[in-house]
Amino acid sequence: MTDAQDATGPRARGLRMARAERRSQLLAVALDLFSTEGFHHVSMDDIADRAEVSKPVLYRHFPSKLDLYLAVVDEQGEALLSAVERAVAPIEAGPIGRGEGRAVVAAVVHAYLAFVQVAGESSTLLFESDVTHDAQVRVRVEHAAAEATRRIADVLAAVTGRDRADADVLASALVATAQGAATYWLRRGDGQGVERVVELVTDLQWRGLAGLVRPDFPYGDA
């Protein structure tokens, strides 16, 4: 059954969508509004009006504004995590040649720049959310950053030979730097191209990490 078939009002009857299609549409509308107006300044009425659906249809998909917000955040987080997974895959797949470690760092940095390039202001839903007063909400909002840090720490622990606690600190620093540079570029890029920003941040990060690679790391060309 479509939303239009069990909703009332001419607006609902005018647009027939399958449930999955309608959910995607609502998420896209909510993403745009939350990222430009902020959680507290957007109402379910605003979202229903922009999506041209009745409120019963909206509530059928998302019981509350917070549920909708978190669904949007989860979707954005999955996009970022997918980019990070692609970046660290070469090292985990192995073997990696000498000098290729810098390219992996660059891929991680590029993942964050590419994310904000596509997501625009909606990236702030992950980086600068205005819904962090509740601990449970904060955990959900920060989930993507935490997972990205964990995945990068996995790689760093293997490459540097450091214990997990040290790897977690290093990964957190890498993520914070990449995220900060991405946000800066989005807000105040001053004409800098994405590739130039990636190059600069990679130079900064790799110069430090290169000295931490364990002496016996098994390179593919050794």
Protein backbone atom coordinates (compact mmCIF):
# COMPACT_ATOMS: atom_id res chain seq x y z
CA MET A 1 0.00 0.00 0.00
CA THR A 2 1.31 3.46 -0.84
CA ASP A 3 1.18 6.47 1.44
CA ALA A 4 -1.25 8.12 -0.91
CA GLN A 5 -3.69 5.24 -0.76
CA ASP A 6 -4.20 5.40 3.01
CA ALA A 7 -3.76 9.14 3.59
CA THR A 8 -6.31 11.87 3.37
CA GLY A 9 -6.32 15.22 1.63
CA PRO A 10 -5.74 16.29 -1.96
CA ARG A 11 -2.04 16.83 -1.42
CA ALA A 12 -1.49 13.20 -0.33
CA ARG A 13 -3.65 11.84 -3.14
CA GLY A 14 -1.64 13.80 -5.68
CA LEU A 15 1.64 11.95 -5.04
CA ARG A 16 1.79 8.16 -5.04
CA MET A 17 4.98 6.66 -3.64
CA ALA A 18 5.97 3.24 -2.35
CA ARG A 19 6.92 3.20 1.32
CA ALA A 20 10.68 3.01 0.75
CA GLU A 21 10.55 5.78 -1.83
CA ARG A 22 8.51 7.99 0.48
CA ARG A 23 10.92 7.39 3.36
CA SER A 24 13.86 8.41 1.17
CA GLN A 25 12.04 11.56 0.12
CA LEU A 26 11.27 12.51 3.71
CA LEU A 27 14.86 11.92 4.74
CA ALA A 28 16.12 14.13 1.92
CA VAL A 29 13.74 16.94 2.87
CA ALA A 30 14.62 16.64 6.55
CA LEU A 31 18.33 16.61 5.74
CA ASP A 32 18.02 19.89 3.90
CA LEU A 33 15.98 21.58 6.62
CA PHE A 34 17.96 20.31 9.60
CA SER A 35 21.28 21.21 8.01
CA THR A 36 20.23 24.76 7.13
CA GLU A 37 17.90 25.64 10.01
CA GLY A 38 19.04 23.40 12.87
CA PHE A 39 17.07 20.83 14.82
CA HIS A 40 15.39 23.25 17.19
CA HIS A 41 14.13 25.59 14.47
CA VAL A 42 12.48 22.95 12.30
CA SER A 43 9.06 21.48 13.07
CA MET A 44 7.32 18.41 11.75
CA ASP A 45 4.86 20.81 10.09
CA ASP A 46 7.78 22.38 8.20
CA ILE A 47 8.95 18.99 7.00
CA ALA A 48 5.46 17.84 5.99
CA ASP A 49 4.86 21.08 4.11
CA ARG A 50 8.17 20.90 2.24
CA ALA A 51 7.60 17.23 1.37
CA GLU A 52 4.00 17.95 0.39
CA VAL A 53 2.58 15.18 2.54
CA SER A 54 0.07 15.11 5.36
CA LYS A 55 1.32 14.91 8.93
CA PRO A 56 -0.18 11.41 9.40
CA VAL A 57 1.99 10.21 6.53
CA LEU A 58 5.08 11.79 8.08
CA TYR A 59 4.38 10.32 11.52
CA ARG A 60 3.74 6.91 10.00
CA HIS A 61 7.35 6.84 8.90
CA PHE A 62 8.88 8.71 11.83
CA PRO A 63 7.06 8.81 15.20
CA SER A 64 8.83 11.99 16.29
CA LYS A 65 11.09 14.76 15.08
CA LEU A 66 13.96 13.26 17.04
CA ASP A 67 13.45 9.87 15.35
CA LEU A 68 13.60 11.60 11.99
CA TYR A 69 16.68 13.59 12.96
CA LEU A 70 18.54 10.50 14.12
CA ALA A 71 17.59 8.64 10.93
CA VAL A 72 19.13 11.49 8.94
CA VAL A 73 22.24 11.45 11.11
CA ASP A 74 22.58 7.67 10.74
CA GLU A 75 22.32 7.96 6.95
CA GLN A 76 25.01 10.64 6.83
CA GLY A 77 27.18 8.62 9.16
CA GLU A 78 26.94 5.55 6.96
CA ALA A 79 28.10 7.59 3.97
CA LEU A 80 31.16 8.85 5.86
CA LEU A 81 32.02 5.43 7.23
CA SER A 82 31.83 3.89 3.77
CA ALA A 83 34.38 6.43 2.57
CA VAL A 84 36.70 5.68 5.49
CA GLU A 85 36.36 1.92 4.92
CA ARG A 86 37.45 2.38 1.31
CA ALA A 87 40.43 4.43 2.49
CA VAL A 88 41.80 1.85 4.93
CA ALA A 89 41.03 -1.19 2.77
CA PRO A 90 44.41 -1.25 0.92
CA ILE A 91 46.42 -1.80 4.10
CA GLU A 92 44.10 -4.47 5.44
CA ALA A 93 43.96 -6.25 2.09
CA GLY A 94 47.75 -6.10 1.77
CA PRO A 95 50.43 -6.37 0.79
CA ILE A 96 51.38 -2.70 0.81
CA GLY A 97 54.54 -1.40 -0.82
CA ARG A 98 57.04 1.04 0.64
CA GLY A 99 55.86 4.61 0.27
CA GLU A 100 52.22 3.62 -0.11
CA GLY A 101 51.37 4.45 3.48
CA ARG A 102 51.15 8.13 2.63
CA ALA A 103 48.56 7.36 -0.02
CA VAL A 104 46.41 5.64 2.59
CA VAL A 105 46.61 8.66 4.89
CA ALA A 106 45.69 10.85 1.92
CA ALA A 107 42.71 8.61 1.22
CA VAL A 108 41.44 9.05 4.79
CA VAL A 109 41.80 12.84 4.58
CA HIS A 110 40.17 12.83 1.16
CA ALA A 111 37.25 10.81 2.56
CA TYR A 112 36.40 13.68 4.90
CA LEU A 113 36.88 16.38 2.26
CA ALA A 114 34.79 14.42 -0.25
CA PHE A 115 32.08 13.95 2.35
CA VAL A 116 31.68 17.67 3.09
CA GLN A 117 32.00 18.44 -0.62
CA VAL A 118 28.92 16.31 -1.31
CA ALA A 119 27.04 16.83 1.95
CA GLY A 120 27.71 20.57 2.24
CA GLU A 121 26.15 22.09 5.33
CA SER A 122 24.50 18.80 6.16
CA SER A 123 27.92 17.53 7.27
CA THR A 124 27.42 19.67 10.37
CA LEU A 125 24.82 17.13 11.51
CA LEU A 126 27.77 14.87 12.28
CA PHE A 127 30.43 17.44 13.10
CA GLU A 128 28.54 20.23 14.87
CA SER A 129 25.13 18.90 15.90
CA ASP A 130 22.96 21.19 18.01
CA VAL A 131 21.27 18.21 19.71
CA THR A 132 23.90 17.04 22.17
CA HIS A 133 22.37 17.84 25.56
CA ASP A 134 21.04 14.31 25.91
CA ALA A 135 23.68 11.62 26.42
CA GLN A 136 21.87 8.99 24.34
CA VAL A 137 21.42 11.43 21.47
CA ARG A 138 25.05 12.49 21.69
CA VAL A 139 26.18 8.87 21.35
CA ARG A 140 24.11 8.44 18.19
CA VAL A 141 25.31 11.72 16.69
CA GLU A 142 28.95 10.92 17.43
CA HIS A 143 28.67 7.29 16.30
CA ALA A 144 30.20 7.88 12.86
CA ALA A 145 33.25 9.67 14.26
CA ALA A 146 33.70 6.95 16.87
CA GLU A 147 33.46 4.18 14.29
CA ALA A 148 35.83 5.95 11.90
CA THR A 149 38.32 6.38 14.73
CA ARG A 150 38.01 2.70 15.65
CA ARG A 151 38.64 1.53 12.08
CA ILE A 152 41.66 3.79 11.66
CA ALA A 153 42.98 2.66 15.06
CA ASP A 154 42.74 -0.96 13.85
CA VAL A 155 45.11 -0.14 11.02
CA LEU A 156 47.44 2.02 13.11
CA ALA A 157 47.83 -0.68 15.75
CA ALA A 158 48.95 -3.13 13.06
CA VAL A 159 51.25 -0.72 11.25
CA THR A 160 52.92 0.95 14.23
CA GLY A 161 52.99 -1.97 16.64
CA ARG A 162 51.70 0.33 19.39
CA ASP A 163 49.20 -0.93 21.95
CA ARG A 164 45.50 -0.27 21.41
CA ALA A 165 45.35 2.69 23.78
CA ASP A 166 48.11 4.48 21.85
CA ALA A 167 46.50 3.61 18.51
CA ASP A 168 43.18 5.05 19.70
CA VAL A 169 44.86 8.35 20.59
CA LEU A 170 46.65 8.54 17.23
CA ALA A 171 43.48 7.70 15.30
CA SER A 172 41.49 10.28 17.23
CA ALA A 173 44.06 12.94 16.35
CA LEU A 174 43.99 11.97 12.67
CA VAL A 175 40.19 12.08 12.54
CA ALA A 176 40.03 15.41 14.38
CA THR A 177 42.57 16.96 11.98
CA ALA A 178 40.82 15.65 8.86
CA GLN A 179 37.41 16.69 10.14
CA GLY A 180 38.65 20.14 11.17
CA ALA A 181 40.29 20.73 7.80
CA ALA A 182 37.16 19.57 5.99
CA THR A 183 34.94 21.90 8.01
CA TYR A 184 37.34 24.79 7.49
CA TRP A 185 37.39 24.17 3.75
CA LEU A 186 33.60 24.10 3.65
CA ARG A 187 33.23 27.35 5.55
CA ARG A 188 36.33 29.32 4.58
CA GLY A 189 38.05 27.56 1.75
CA ASP A 190 39.38 30.85 0.35
CA GLY A 191 39.64 29.35 -3.09
CA GLN A 192 41.72 26.34 -2.05
CA GLY A 193 40.90 23.27 -4.07
CA VAL A 194 40.08 20.01 -2.32
CA GLU A 195 43.22 18.28 -3.62
CA ARG A 196 45.44 21.05 -2.27
CA VAL A 197 43.87 20.76 1.17
CA VAL A 198 44.28 16.97 1.08
CA GLU A 199 47.95 17.40 0.14
CA LEU A 200 48.65 19.85 2.97
CA VAL A 201 46.90 17.85 5.68
CA THR A 202 48.42 14.59 4.45
CA ASP A 203 51.91 16.11 4.64
CA LEU A 204 51.24 17.17 8.21
CA GLN A 205 49.90 13.78 9.27
CA TRP A 206 52.26 11.50 7.35
CA ARG A 207 55.43 13.22 8.57
CA GLY A 208 54.44 12.21 12.08
CA LEU A 209 53.10 8.75 11.29
CA ALA A 210 56.03 7.71 9.11
CA GLY A 211 58.29 7.78 12.15
CA LEU A 212 55.93 5.49 14.05
CA VAL A 213 55.78 2.64 11.53
CA ARG A 214 57.29 -0.40 13.21
CA PRO A 215 60.71 -1.48 11.86
CA ASP A 216 59.52 -4.99 11.02
CA PHE A 217 56.36 -3.98 9.16
CA PRO A 218 55.95 -6.54 6.31
CA TYR A 219 56.00 -4.52 3.11
CA GLY A 220 54.82 -6.25 -0.04
CA ASP A 221 57.96 -5.36 -1.99
CA ALA A 222 60.40 -6.48 0.69
